[in-house]
Amino acid sequence: MRVLLIAGGWSTERAVSLSGAKAVQESLLRLGHDVTFFDLSASFDSLISTARAHDFAFINLHGAPGEDGLVQAILDTIGCPYQGSGPAASFLALHKAAAKGVFREHGILTPDWELVTDKPGADWTPRIGLPLFAKPNLGGSSLGMSMVTDHTDLAPALATIADLGQEALLEPLMKGKEVTCAILGDEALPLIMIQPNESAAFFDYENKYKPGVAQEICPAPIDESVAEPIRKATLAAHKALGLYGYSRGDFIVTDDAAYLLEMNTLPGMTATSLVPQAAAEAGYSFDDLIARLIDLGLSR
């Protein structure tokens, strides 16, 4: 099958996209496909004409464009199938504040939040109080994310996000364990617990993508009484947002409950990425995972 591998793009997560694309391309070739690598930022104007010459598009983009549904919407206009969610669901999941509103509407626990769309005054205090996390509302990979424990740190954190051209999502700092749950088809895969480097304040970019920095334990060493609600909440969020094929939910597990932070529609595919790890624990090789995603995309 002729597969168009779409990667790169121009978001702040371009490097992550290109890194993962290497592994995906190697897998597609092992599976016997004829693969065309397509760097979106270099050839955006020719996406439609190039996609017309292919049987399937494998999208390995992060941030916008990609997770915002733009590429999916373009592919839909010419009937080119692809893996993962469609345009509307993709954008809804990428917009963290909107997604959290959907979670709460469906009874899925998520931390309180505050969306900051304009530069506040010097004496402004967030409604949710301090300490808090400030993150780009449409971002990922922990890029531009800051932990704010003092009011003097707030303005620099918001400025970092504004420099990325985004609004800021604020969430209260919650102490607990970080756990992820992936969905493949309609199946929740084994959970992964993330233990950042002791010197790291949180699961930042380096912890996510530098091998050996963070410890990722799969299956997560948590009681089934906690694990099962996480699996159910992830699948419920997947359905509530209208996602398809696969996704990954990120949770913070406190002493009282598990809180869903966000859902990812194009999870990372690097050598250290979480979904391939969870799939491997469930019995899928990396090639099995890629083949399954293609089958789901074709059967949409």
C-alpha atoms as a PDB file:
ATOM      1  CA  MET A   1       0.000   0.000   0.000  1.00  0.00           C
ATOM      2  CA  ARG A   2       1.205   3.525  -0.759  1.00  0.00           C
ATOM      3  CA  VAL A   3       1.483   5.328   2.571  1.00  0.00           C
ATOM      4  CA  LEU A   4       2.103   9.050   2.973  1.00  0.00           C
ATOM      5  CA  LEU A   5       3.957   9.664   6.253  1.00  0.00           C
ATOM      6  CA  ILE A   6       3.173  13.224   7.320  1.00  0.00           C
ATOM      7  CA  ALA A   7       5.531  14.686   9.925  1.00  0.00           C
ATOM      8  CA  GLY A   8       7.500  17.781  10.869  1.00  0.00           C
ATOM      9  CA  GLY A   9       5.135  20.721  10.734  1.00  0.00           C
ATOM     10  CA  TRP A  10       5.911  24.054  12.340  1.00  0.00           C
ATOM     11  CA  SER A  11       4.751  23.680  15.933  1.00  0.00           C
ATOM     12  CA  THR A  12       7.137  23.825  18.889  1.00  0.00           C
ATOM     13  CA  GLU A  13       7.011  20.017  18.870  1.00  0.00           C
ATOM     14  CA  ARG A  14       8.510  19.665  15.384  1.00  0.00           C
ATOM     15  CA  ALA A  15      11.637  17.881  16.671  1.00  0.00           C
ATOM     16  CA  VAL A  16       9.547  15.301  18.535  1.00  0.00           C
ATOM     17  CA  SER A  17       7.485  14.690  15.400  1.00  0.00           C
ATOM     18  CA  LEU A  18      10.541  14.105  13.224  1.00  0.00           C
ATOM     19  CA  SER A  19      12.117  11.794  15.790  1.00  0.00           C
ATOM     20  CA  GLY A  20       9.037   9.619  15.998  1.00  0.00           C
ATOM     21  CA  ALA A  21       8.599   9.596  12.226  1.00  0.00           C
ATOM     22  CA  LYS A  22      11.867   7.713  11.825  1.00  0.00           C
ATOM     23  CA  ALA A  23      10.555   4.790  13.860  1.00  0.00           C
ATOM     24  CA  VAL A  24       7.193   4.861  12.081  1.00  0.00           C
ATOM     25  CA  GLN A  25       8.828   4.909   8.647  1.00  0.00           C
ATOM     26  CA  GLU A  26      11.039   1.937   9.483  1.00  0.00           C
ATOM     27  CA  SER A  27       7.993   0.026  10.723  1.00  0.00           C
ATOM     28  CA  LEU A  28       5.927   0.843   7.626  1.00  0.00           C
ATOM     29  CA  LEU A  29       8.745  -0.425   5.426  1.00  0.00           C
ATOM     30  CA  ARG A  30       9.029  -3.643   7.443  1.00  0.00           C
ATOM     31  CA  LEU A  31       5.280  -4.105   6.971  1.00  0.00           C
ATOM     32  CA  GLY A  32       5.825  -3.976   3.221  1.00  0.00           C
ATOM     33  CA  HIS A  33       4.371  -0.560   2.429  1.00  0.00           C
ATOM     34  CA  ASP A  34       5.664   1.920  -0.117  1.00  0.00           C
ATOM     35  CA  VAL A  35       6.381   4.982   2.046  1.00  0.00           C
ATOM     36  CA  THR A  36       6.662   8.640   1.066  1.00  0.00           C
ATOM     37  CA  PHE A  37       7.997  10.934   3.786  1.00  0.00           C
ATOM     38  CA  PHE A  38       6.240  14.323   3.720  1.00  0.00           C
ATOM     39  CA  ASP A  39       7.517  17.258   5.773  1.00  0.00           C
ATOM     40  CA  LEU A  40       4.437  19.427   6.182  1.00  0.00           C
ATOM     41  CA  SER A  41       6.301  22.669   6.761  1.00  0.00           C
ATOM     42  CA  ALA A  42       8.302  22.283   3.555  1.00  0.00           C
ATOM     43  CA  SER A  43       5.491  21.114   1.277  1.00  0.00           C
ATOM     44  CA  PHE A  44       2.172  22.207   2.770  1.00  0.00           C
ATOM     45  CA  ASP A  45       0.822  23.577  -0.534  1.00  0.00           C
ATOM     46  CA  SER A  46       1.250  20.198  -2.211  1.00  0.00           C
ATOM     47  CA  LEU A  47      -0.416  18.123   0.526  1.00  0.00           C
ATOM     48  CA  ILE A  48      -3.640  17.550  -1.418  1.00  0.00           C
ATOM     49  CA  SER A  49      -2.004  16.585  -4.687  1.00  0.00           C
ATOM     50  CA  THR A  50       0.506  14.328  -2.924  1.00  0.00           C
ATOM     51  CA  ALA A  51      -2.132  12.648  -0.774  1.00  0.00           C
ATOM     52  CA  ARG A  52      -4.223  11.897  -3.878  1.00  0.00           C
ATOM     53  CA  ALA A  53      -1.434   9.629  -5.088  1.00  0.00           C
ATOM     54  CA  HIS A  54      -1.471   7.551  -1.905  1.00  0.00           C
ATOM     55  CA  ASP A  55      -3.787   4.951  -0.366  1.00  0.00           C
ATOM     56  CA  PHE A  56      -3.337   6.015   3.255  1.00  0.00           C
ATOM     57  CA  ALA A  57      -1.815   8.822   5.303  1.00  0.00           C
ATOM     58  CA  PHE A  58      -0.038   8.170   8.577  1.00  0.00           C
ATOM     59  CA  ILE A  59      -0.002  11.400  10.564  1.00  0.00           C
ATOM     60  CA  ASN A  60       2.875  11.821  12.993  1.00  0.00           C
ATOM     61  CA  LEU A  61       2.440  15.474  13.935  1.00  0.00           C
ATOM     62  CA  HIS A  62       2.267  17.053  17.379  1.00  0.00           C
ATOM     63  CA  GLY A  63       0.676  20.343  18.344  1.00  0.00           C
ATOM     64  CA  ALA A  64      -0.809  22.532  15.635  1.00  0.00           C
ATOM     65  CA  PRO A  65      -0.951  21.718  12.788  1.00  0.00           C
ATOM     66  CA  GLY A  66      -1.712  18.047  13.312  1.00  0.00           C
ATOM     67  CA  GLU A  67      -3.443  17.610  16.636  1.00  0.00           C
ATOM     68  CA  ASP A  68      -5.687  20.577  15.802  1.00  0.00           C
ATOM     69  CA  GLY A  69      -7.442  18.572  13.059  1.00  0.00           C
ATOM     70  CA  LEU A  70      -6.308  20.748  10.146  1.00  0.00           C
ATOM     71  CA  VAL A  71      -4.483  18.004   8.259  1.00  0.00           C
ATOM     72  CA  GLN A  72      -7.309  15.557   8.949  1.00  0.00           C
ATOM     73  CA  ALA A  73      -9.844  18.027   7.535  1.00  0.00           C
ATOM     74  CA  ILE A  74      -7.768  18.442   4.387  1.00  0.00           C
ATOM     75  CA  LEU A  75      -7.433  14.691   3.920  1.00  0.00           C
ATOM     76  CA  ASP A  76     -11.189  14.276   4.415  1.00  0.00           C
ATOM     77  CA  THR A  77     -11.879  16.576   1.453  1.00  0.00           C
ATOM     78  CA  ILE A  78     -10.246  14.071  -0.912  1.00  0.00           C
ATOM     79  CA  GLY A  79     -11.277  10.903   0.919  1.00  0.00           C
ATOM     80  CA  CYS A  80      -7.748   9.896   1.925  1.00  0.00           C
ATOM     81  CA  PRO A  81      -7.946   7.632   4.998  1.00  0.00           C
ATOM     82  CA  TYR A  82      -5.656   8.179   8.001  1.00  0.00           C
ATOM     83  CA  GLN A  83      -5.158   6.808  11.499  1.00  0.00           C
ATOM     84  CA  GLY A  84      -6.708   8.356  14.571  1.00  0.00           C
ATOM     85  CA  SER A  85      -9.401  10.920  15.228  1.00  0.00           C
ATOM     86  CA  GLY A  86     -11.176  13.262  12.836  1.00  0.00           C
ATOM     87  CA  PRO A  87     -10.939  17.068  12.685  1.00  0.00           C
ATOM     88  CA  ALA A  88     -13.546  18.130  15.248  1.00  0.00           C
ATOM     89  CA  ALA A  89     -12.567  15.607  17.910  1.00  0.00           C
ATOM     90  CA  SER A  90      -8.879  16.365  17.392  1.00  0.00           C
ATOM     91  CA  PHE A  91      -9.342  20.080  17.982  1.00  0.00           C
ATOM     92  CA  LEU A  92     -11.609  19.550  20.961  1.00  0.00           C
ATOM     93  CA  ALA A  93      -9.000  17.352  22.641  1.00  0.00           C
ATOM     94  CA  LEU A  94      -6.122  19.699  21.812  1.00  0.00           C
ATOM     95  CA  HIS A  95      -7.917  22.686  23.361  1.00  0.00           C
ATOM     96  CA  LYS A  96      -7.268  21.746  26.973  1.00  0.00           C
ATOM     97  CA  ALA A  97      -9.820  24.105  28.517  1.00  0.00           C
ATOM     98  CA  ALA A  98     -12.589  22.934  26.163  1.00  0.00           C
ATOM     99  CA  ALA A  99     -11.739  19.279  26.754  1.00  0.00           C
ATOM    100  CA  LYS A 100     -11.804  19.743  30.527  1.00  0.00           C
ATOM    101  CA  GLY A 101     -15.267  21.244  30.207  1.00  0.00           C
ATOM    102  CA  VAL A 102     -16.392  18.102  28.374  1.00  0.00           C
ATOM    103  CA  PHE A 103     -14.783  15.896  31.021  1.00  0.00           C
ATOM    104  CA  ARG A 104     -16.642  17.662  33.801  1.00  0.00           C
ATOM    105  CA  GLU A 105     -19.932  17.528  31.860  1.00  0.00           C
ATOM    106  CA  HIS A 106     -19.550  13.730  31.689  1.00  0.00           C
ATOM    107  CA  GLY A 107     -18.658  13.321  35.349  1.00  0.00           C
ATOM    108  CA  ILE A 108     -14.961  12.663  34.720  1.00  0.00           C
ATOM    109  CA  LEU A 109     -12.726  14.079  37.451  1.00  0.00           C
ATOM    110  CA  THR A 110     -10.343  16.781  36.239  1.00  0.00           C
ATOM    111  CA  PRO A 111      -8.479  19.462  38.203  1.00  0.00           C
ATOM    112  CA  ASP A 112      -9.982  22.950  38.412  1.00  0.00           C
ATOM    113  CA  TRP A 113      -8.664  25.328  35.778  1.00  0.00           C
ATOM    114  CA  GLU A 114      -8.495  28.901  34.641  1.00  0.00           C
ATOM    115  CA  LEU A 115      -7.964  30.090  31.057  1.00  0.00           C
ATOM    116  CA  VAL A 116      -5.937  33.295  30.700  1.00  0.00           C
ATOM    117  CA  THR A 117      -6.394  34.878  27.279  1.00  0.00           C
ATOM    118  CA  ASP A 118      -4.996  38.376  27.913  1.00  0.00           C
ATOM    119  CA  LYS A 119      -2.013  39.737  29.793  1.00  0.00           C
ATOM    120  CA  PRO A 120      -3.261  40.415  33.325  1.00  0.00           C
ATOM    121  CA  GLY A 121      -2.285  43.364  35.489  1.00  0.00           C
ATOM    122  CA  ALA A 122       0.690  43.241  37.823  1.00  0.00           C
ATOM    123  CA  ASP A 123      -1.521  42.779  40.908  1.00  0.00           C
ATOM    124  CA  TRP A 124      -3.733  40.076  39.336  1.00  0.00           C
ATOM    125  CA  THR A 125      -4.171  36.865  41.330  1.00  0.00           C
ATOM    126  CA  PRO A 126      -5.520  33.651  39.749  1.00  0.00           C
ATOM    127  CA  ARG A 127      -8.911  32.522  40.955  1.00  0.00           C
ATOM    128  CA  ILE A 128      -7.557  29.005  41.578  1.00  0.00           C
ATOM    129  CA  GLY A 129      -4.788  30.363  43.823  1.00  0.00           C
ATOM    130  CA  LEU A 130      -1.165  29.289  44.199  1.00  0.00           C
ATOM    131  CA  PRO A 131       0.789  27.073  43.771  1.00  0.00           C
ATOM    132  CA  LEU A 132      -0.165  26.154  40.205  1.00  0.00           C
ATOM    133  CA  PHE A 133       0.978  24.860  36.847  1.00  0.00           C
ATOM    134  CA  ALA A 134       0.876  27.198  33.848  1.00  0.00           C
ATOM    135  CA  LYS A 135       0.874  25.567  30.430  1.00  0.00           C
ATOM    136  CA  PRO A 136       0.072  26.510  26.815  1.00  0.00           C
ATOM    137  CA  ASN A 137      -3.582  25.726  26.203  1.00  0.00           C
ATOM    138  CA  LEU A 138      -2.853  24.168  22.806  1.00  0.00           C
ATOM    139  CA  GLY A 139       0.600  22.782  23.537  1.00  0.00           C
ATOM    140  CA  GLY A 140       2.143  19.466  24.449  1.00  0.00           C
ATOM    141  CA  SER A 141       5.377  17.718  25.444  1.00  0.00           C
ATOM    142  CA  SER A 142       5.504  20.034  28.509  1.00  0.00           C
ATOM    143  CA  LEU A 143       6.998  22.777  26.319  1.00  0.00           C
ATOM    144  CA  GLY A 144       6.373  26.221  27.817  1.00  0.00           C
ATOM    145  CA  MET A 145       5.089  24.684  31.036  1.00  0.00           C
ATOM    146  CA  SER A 146       6.032  26.201  34.406  1.00  0.00           C
ATOM    147  CA  MET A 147       5.391  25.448  38.062  1.00  0.00           C
ATOM    148  CA  VAL A 148       4.443  28.652  39.875  1.00  0.00           C
ATOM    149  CA  THR A 149       4.837  28.624  43.640  1.00  0.00           C
ATOM    150  CA  ASP A 150       5.221  32.354  44.233  1.00  0.00           C
ATOM    151  CA  HIS A 151       3.382  35.354  42.784  1.00  0.00           C
ATOM    152  CA  THR A 152       6.655  36.765  41.444  1.00  0.00           C
ATOM    153  CA  ASP A 153       6.976  33.685  39.202  1.00  0.00           C
ATOM    154  CA  LEU A 154       3.554  34.153  37.636  1.00  0.00           C
ATOM    155  CA  ALA A 155       4.287  36.950  35.160  1.00  0.00           C
ATOM    156  CA  PRO A 156       7.389  35.205  33.692  1.00  0.00           C
ATOM    157  CA  ALA A 157       5.420  31.962  33.329  1.00  0.00           C
ATOM    158  CA  LEU A 158       2.602  33.715  31.470  1.00  0.00           C
ATOM    159  CA  ALA A 159       5.126  35.596  29.329  1.00  0.00           C
ATOM    160  CA  THR A 160       6.763  32.326  28.284  1.00  0.00           C
ATOM    161  CA  ILE A 161       3.402  31.049  27.073  1.00  0.00           C
ATOM    162  CA  ALA A 162       2.517  34.344  25.387  1.00  0.00           C
ATOM    163  CA  ASP A 163       5.828  34.204  23.501  1.00  0.00           C
ATOM    164  CA  LEU A 164       4.588  30.930  22.010  1.00  0.00           C
ATOM    165  CA  GLY A 165       1.523  32.799  20.727  1.00  0.00           C
ATOM    166  CA  GLN A 166      -0.878  30.981  23.003  1.00  0.00           C
ATOM    167  CA  GLU A 167      -3.308  31.522  25.837  1.00  0.00           C
ATOM    168  CA  ALA A 168      -2.410  30.001  29.203  1.00  0.00           C
ATOM    169  CA  LEU A 169      -4.183  27.225  31.064  1.00  0.00           C
ATOM    170  CA  LEU A 170      -3.701  27.325  34.824  1.00  0.00           C
ATOM    171  CA  GLU A 171      -4.271  24.313  37.053  1.00  0.00           C
ATOM    172  CA  PRO A 172      -3.651  23.912  40.786  1.00  0.00           C
ATOM    173  CA  LEU A 173      -0.523  22.043  41.796  1.00  0.00           C
ATOM    174  CA  MET A 174      -1.680  18.617  42.926  1.00  0.00           C
ATOM    175  CA  LYS A 175       0.630  16.198  44.688  1.00  0.00           C
ATOM    176  CA  GLY A 176       0.392  12.656  43.462  1.00  0.00           C
ATOM    177  CA  LYS A 177       1.641  10.048  41.030  1.00  0.00           C
ATOM    178  CA  GLU A 178       1.567  10.554  37.276  1.00  0.00           C
ATOM    179  CA  VAL A 179      -0.141   7.735  35.391  1.00  0.00           C
ATOM    180  CA  THR A 180      -1.064   7.351  31.733  1.00  0.00           C
ATOM    181  CA  CYS A 181      -3.627   5.113  30.086  1.00  0.00           C
ATOM    182  CA  ALA A 182      -3.739   4.451  26.341  1.00  0.00           C
ATOM    183  CA  ILE A 183      -6.758   3.422  24.299  1.00  0.00           C
ATOM    184  CA  LEU A 184      -6.353   1.237  21.218  1.00  0.00           C
ATOM    185  CA  GLY A 185      -9.584   0.613  19.356  1.00  0.00           C
ATOM    186  CA  ASP A 186     -12.002   0.252  22.246  1.00  0.00           C
ATOM    187  CA  GLU A 187      -9.461  -1.382  24.565  1.00  0.00           C
ATOM    188  CA  ALA A 188      -7.675   0.256  27.480  1.00  0.00           C
ATOM    189  CA  LEU A 189      -4.021  -0.789  27.480  1.00  0.00           C
ATOM    190  CA  PRO A 190      -1.925  -1.420  30.618  1.00  0.00           C
ATOM    191  CA  LEU A 191      -1.263   1.688  32.702  1.00  0.00           C
ATOM    192  CA  ILE A 192       2.153   3.310  32.973  1.00  0.00           C
ATOM    193  CA  MET A 193       3.411   5.118  36.073  1.00  0.00           C
ATOM    194  CA  ILE A 194       5.912   7.921  35.479  1.00  0.00           C
ATOM    195  CA  GLN A 195       8.571   8.773  38.024  1.00  0.00           C
ATOM    196  CA  PRO A 196      10.500  11.882  36.922  1.00  0.00           C
ATOM    197  CA  ASN A 197      14.119  12.375  37.852  1.00  0.00           C
ATOM    198  CA  GLU A 198      14.380  13.360  41.512  1.00  0.00           C
ATOM    199  CA  SER A 199      15.895  16.704  40.517  1.00  0.00           C
ATOM    200  CA  ALA A 200      12.974  17.546  38.206  1.00  0.00           C
ATOM    201  CA  ALA A 201      10.064  19.580  39.487  1.00  0.00           C
ATOM    202  CA  PHE A 202       7.682  17.749  37.142  1.00  0.00           C
ATOM    203  CA  PHE A 203       7.563  15.493  34.040  1.00  0.00           C
ATOM    204  CA  ASP A 204       9.180  18.065  31.767  1.00  0.00           C
ATOM    205  CA  TYR A 205      10.463  17.873  28.178  1.00  0.00           C
ATOM    206  CA  GLU A 206      13.818  16.350  29.138  1.00  0.00           C
ATOM    207  CA  ASN A 207      12.149  13.728  31.318  1.00  0.00           C
ATOM    208  CA  LYS A 208       9.824  12.803  28.469  1.00  0.00           C
ATOM    209  CA  TYR A 209      12.296  12.466  25.632  1.00  0.00           C
ATOM    210  CA  LYS A 210      15.790  11.878  26.999  1.00  0.00           C
ATOM    211  CA  PRO A 211      16.269   8.119  27.482  1.00  0.00           C
ATOM    212  CA  GLY A 212      16.891   7.041  31.047  1.00  0.00           C
ATOM    213  CA  VAL A 213      15.977  10.347  32.692  1.00  0.00           C
ATOM    214  CA  ALA A 214      12.486   9.377  33.879  1.00  0.00           C
ATOM    215  CA  GLN A 215      11.431   5.957  35.054  1.00  0.00           C
ATOM    216  CA  GLU A 216       8.356   4.640  33.253  1.00  0.00           C
ATOM    217  CA  ILE A 217       6.907   1.575  34.947  1.00  0.00           C
ATOM    218  CA  CYS A 218       4.554  -0.661  32.969  1.00  0.00           C
ATOM    219  CA  PRO A 219       2.311  -2.064  34.209  1.00  0.00           C
ATOM    220  CA  ALA A 220       1.888   0.648  36.809  1.00  0.00           C
ATOM    221  CA  PRO A 221       2.317  -0.675  40.370  1.00  0.00           C
ATOM    222  CA  ILE A 222      -1.054   0.537  41.630  1.00  0.00           C
ATOM    223  CA  ASP A 223      -3.960  -1.283  43.185  1.00  0.00           C
ATOM    224  CA  GLU A 224      -6.672  -2.552  40.853  1.00  0.00           C
ATOM    225  CA  SER A 225      -9.209  -0.506  42.799  1.00  0.00           C
ATOM    226  CA  VAL A 226      -7.403   2.565  41.419  1.00  0.00           C
ATOM    227  CA  ALA A 227      -6.410   1.173  38.017  1.00  0.00           C
ATOM    228  CA  GLU A 228      -9.896   0.141  36.922  1.00  0.00           C
ATOM    229  CA  PRO A 229     -11.481   3.590  37.453  1.00  0.00           C
ATOM    230  CA  ILE A 230      -8.608   5.110  35.447  1.00  0.00           C
ATOM    231  CA  ARG A 231      -9.232   2.728  32.559  1.00  0.00           C
ATOM    232  CA  LYS A 232     -12.954   3.484  32.663  1.00  0.00           C
ATOM    233  CA  ALA A 233     -12.385   7.251  32.850  1.00  0.00           C
ATOM    234  CA  THR A 234      -9.983   7.162  29.897  1.00  0.00           C
ATOM    235  CA  LEU A 235     -12.400   5.217  27.729  1.00  0.00           C
ATOM    236  CA  ALA A 236     -15.252   7.516  28.811  1.00  0.00           C
ATOM    237  CA  ALA A 237     -13.205  10.607  27.892  1.00  0.00           C
ATOM    238  CA  HIS A 238     -12.191   9.028  24.580  1.00  0.00           C
ATOM    239  CA  LYS A 239     -15.867   8.551  23.716  1.00  0.00           C
ATOM    240  CA  ALA A 240     -17.035  11.893  25.140  1.00  0.00           C
ATOM    241  CA  LEU A 241     -14.614  13.803  22.899  1.00  0.00           C
ATOM    242  CA  GLY A 242     -15.544  11.671  19.886  1.00  0.00           C
ATOM    243  CA  LEU A 243     -12.031  10.253  19.501  1.00  0.00           C
ATOM    244  CA  TYR A 244     -11.286   7.302  17.260  1.00  0.00           C
ATOM    245  CA  GLY A 245      -8.643   4.625  16.846  1.00  0.00           C
ATOM    246  CA  TYR A 246      -6.308   5.497  19.682  1.00  0.00           C
ATOM    247  CA  SER A 247      -5.543   8.105  22.307  1.00  0.00           C
ATOM    248  CA  ARG A 248      -3.739   8.523  25.607  1.00  0.00           C
ATOM    249  CA  GLY A 249      -5.036   9.971  28.849  1.00  0.00           C
ATOM    250  CA  ASP A 250      -2.703  11.596  31.388  1.00  0.00           C
ATOM    251  CA  PHE A 251      -3.684  11.449  35.061  1.00  0.00           C
ATOM    252  CA  ILE A 252      -2.508  12.700  38.418  1.00  0.00           C
ATOM    253  CA  VAL A 253      -3.351  10.165  41.131  1.00  0.00           C
ATOM    254  CA  THR A 254      -3.693  11.683  44.605  1.00  0.00           C
ATOM    255  CA  ASP A 255      -4.481   9.979  47.892  1.00  0.00           C
ATOM    256  CA  ASP A 256      -8.186  10.550  47.202  1.00  0.00           C
ATOM    257  CA  ALA A 257      -8.784  10.014  43.474  1.00  0.00           C
ATOM    258  CA  ALA A 258      -7.407  10.005  39.921  1.00  0.00           C
ATOM    259  CA  TYR A 259      -7.795  13.269  37.977  1.00  0.00           C
ATOM    260  CA  LEU A 260      -7.646  13.361  34.185  1.00  0.00           C
ATOM    261  CA  LEU A 261      -5.400  16.163  32.930  1.00  0.00           C
ATOM    262  CA  GLU A 262      -5.770  15.774  29.176  1.00  0.00           C
ATOM    263  CA  MET A 263      -6.304  13.404  26.248  1.00  0.00           C
ATOM    264  CA  ASN A 264      -3.733  13.117  23.463  1.00  0.00           C
ATOM    265  CA  THR A 265      -4.959  12.235  19.962  1.00  0.00           C
ATOM    266  CA  LEU A 266      -1.564  11.766  18.267  1.00  0.00           C
ATOM    267  CA  PRO A 267       0.557  10.222  21.035  1.00  0.00           C
ATOM    268  CA  GLY A 268       4.302  10.152  20.605  1.00  0.00           C
ATOM    269  CA  MET A 269       5.959   7.396  18.596  1.00  0.00           C
ATOM    270  CA  THR A 270       9.587   7.832  19.649  1.00  0.00           C
ATOM    271  CA  ALA A 271      11.652   4.996  21.106  1.00  0.00           C
ATOM    272  CA  THR A 272      10.757   6.194  24.621  1.00  0.00           C
ATOM    273  CA  SER A 273       7.092   6.991  23.964  1.00  0.00           C
ATOM    274  CA  LEU A 274       4.376   5.750  26.270  1.00  0.00           C
ATOM    275  CA  VAL A 275       1.796   4.225  23.917  1.00  0.00           C
ATOM    276  CA  PRO A 276       4.268   1.816  22.268  1.00  0.00           C
ATOM    277  CA  GLN A 277       5.371   0.745  25.758  1.00  0.00           C
ATOM    278  CA  ALA A 278       1.788   0.078  26.850  1.00  0.00           C
ATOM    279  CA  ALA A 279       1.034  -1.736  23.596  1.00  0.00           C
ATOM    280  CA  ALA A 280       4.098  -3.944  24.075  1.00  0.00           C
ATOM    281  CA  GLU A 281       2.874  -4.900  27.552  1.00  0.00           C
ATOM    282  CA  ALA A 282      -0.453  -5.875  25.963  1.00  0.00           C
ATOM    283  CA  GLY A 283       1.335  -8.099  23.450  1.00  0.00           C
ATOM    284  CA  TYR A 284       1.661  -5.767  20.464  1.00  0.00           C
ATOM    285  CA  SER A 285       5.049  -5.321  18.847  1.00  0.00           C
ATOM    286  CA  PHE A 286       5.734  -1.858  17.426  1.00  0.00           C
ATOM    287  CA  ASP A 287       4.918  -3.187  13.956  1.00  0.00           C
ATOM    288  CA  ASP A 288       1.706  -4.754  15.302  1.00  0.00           C
ATOM    289  CA  LEU A 289       0.721  -1.367  16.726  1.00  0.00           C
ATOM    290  CA  ILE A 290       1.322   0.464  13.437  1.00  0.00           C
ATOM    291  CA  ALA A 291      -0.579  -2.208  11.500  1.00  0.00           C
ATOM    292  CA  ARG A 292      -3.487  -2.018  13.937  1.00  0.00           C
ATOM    293  CA  LEU A 293      -3.687   1.767  13.604  1.00  0.00           C
ATOM    294  CA  ILE A 294      -3.775   1.457   9.818  1.00  0.00           C
ATOM    295  CA  ASP A 295      -6.506  -1.190   9.977  1.00  0.00           C
ATOM    296  CA  LEU A 296      -8.586   1.041  12.265  1.00  0.00           C
ATOM    297  CA  GLY A 297      -8.081   4.009   9.948  1.00  0.00           C
ATOM    298  CA  LEU A 298      -9.155   2.021   6.896  1.00  0.00           C
ATOM    299  CA  SER A 299     -12.263   0.706   8.658  1.00  0.00           C
ATOM    300  CA  ARG A 300     -13.458   4.153   9.805  1.00  0.00           C
END
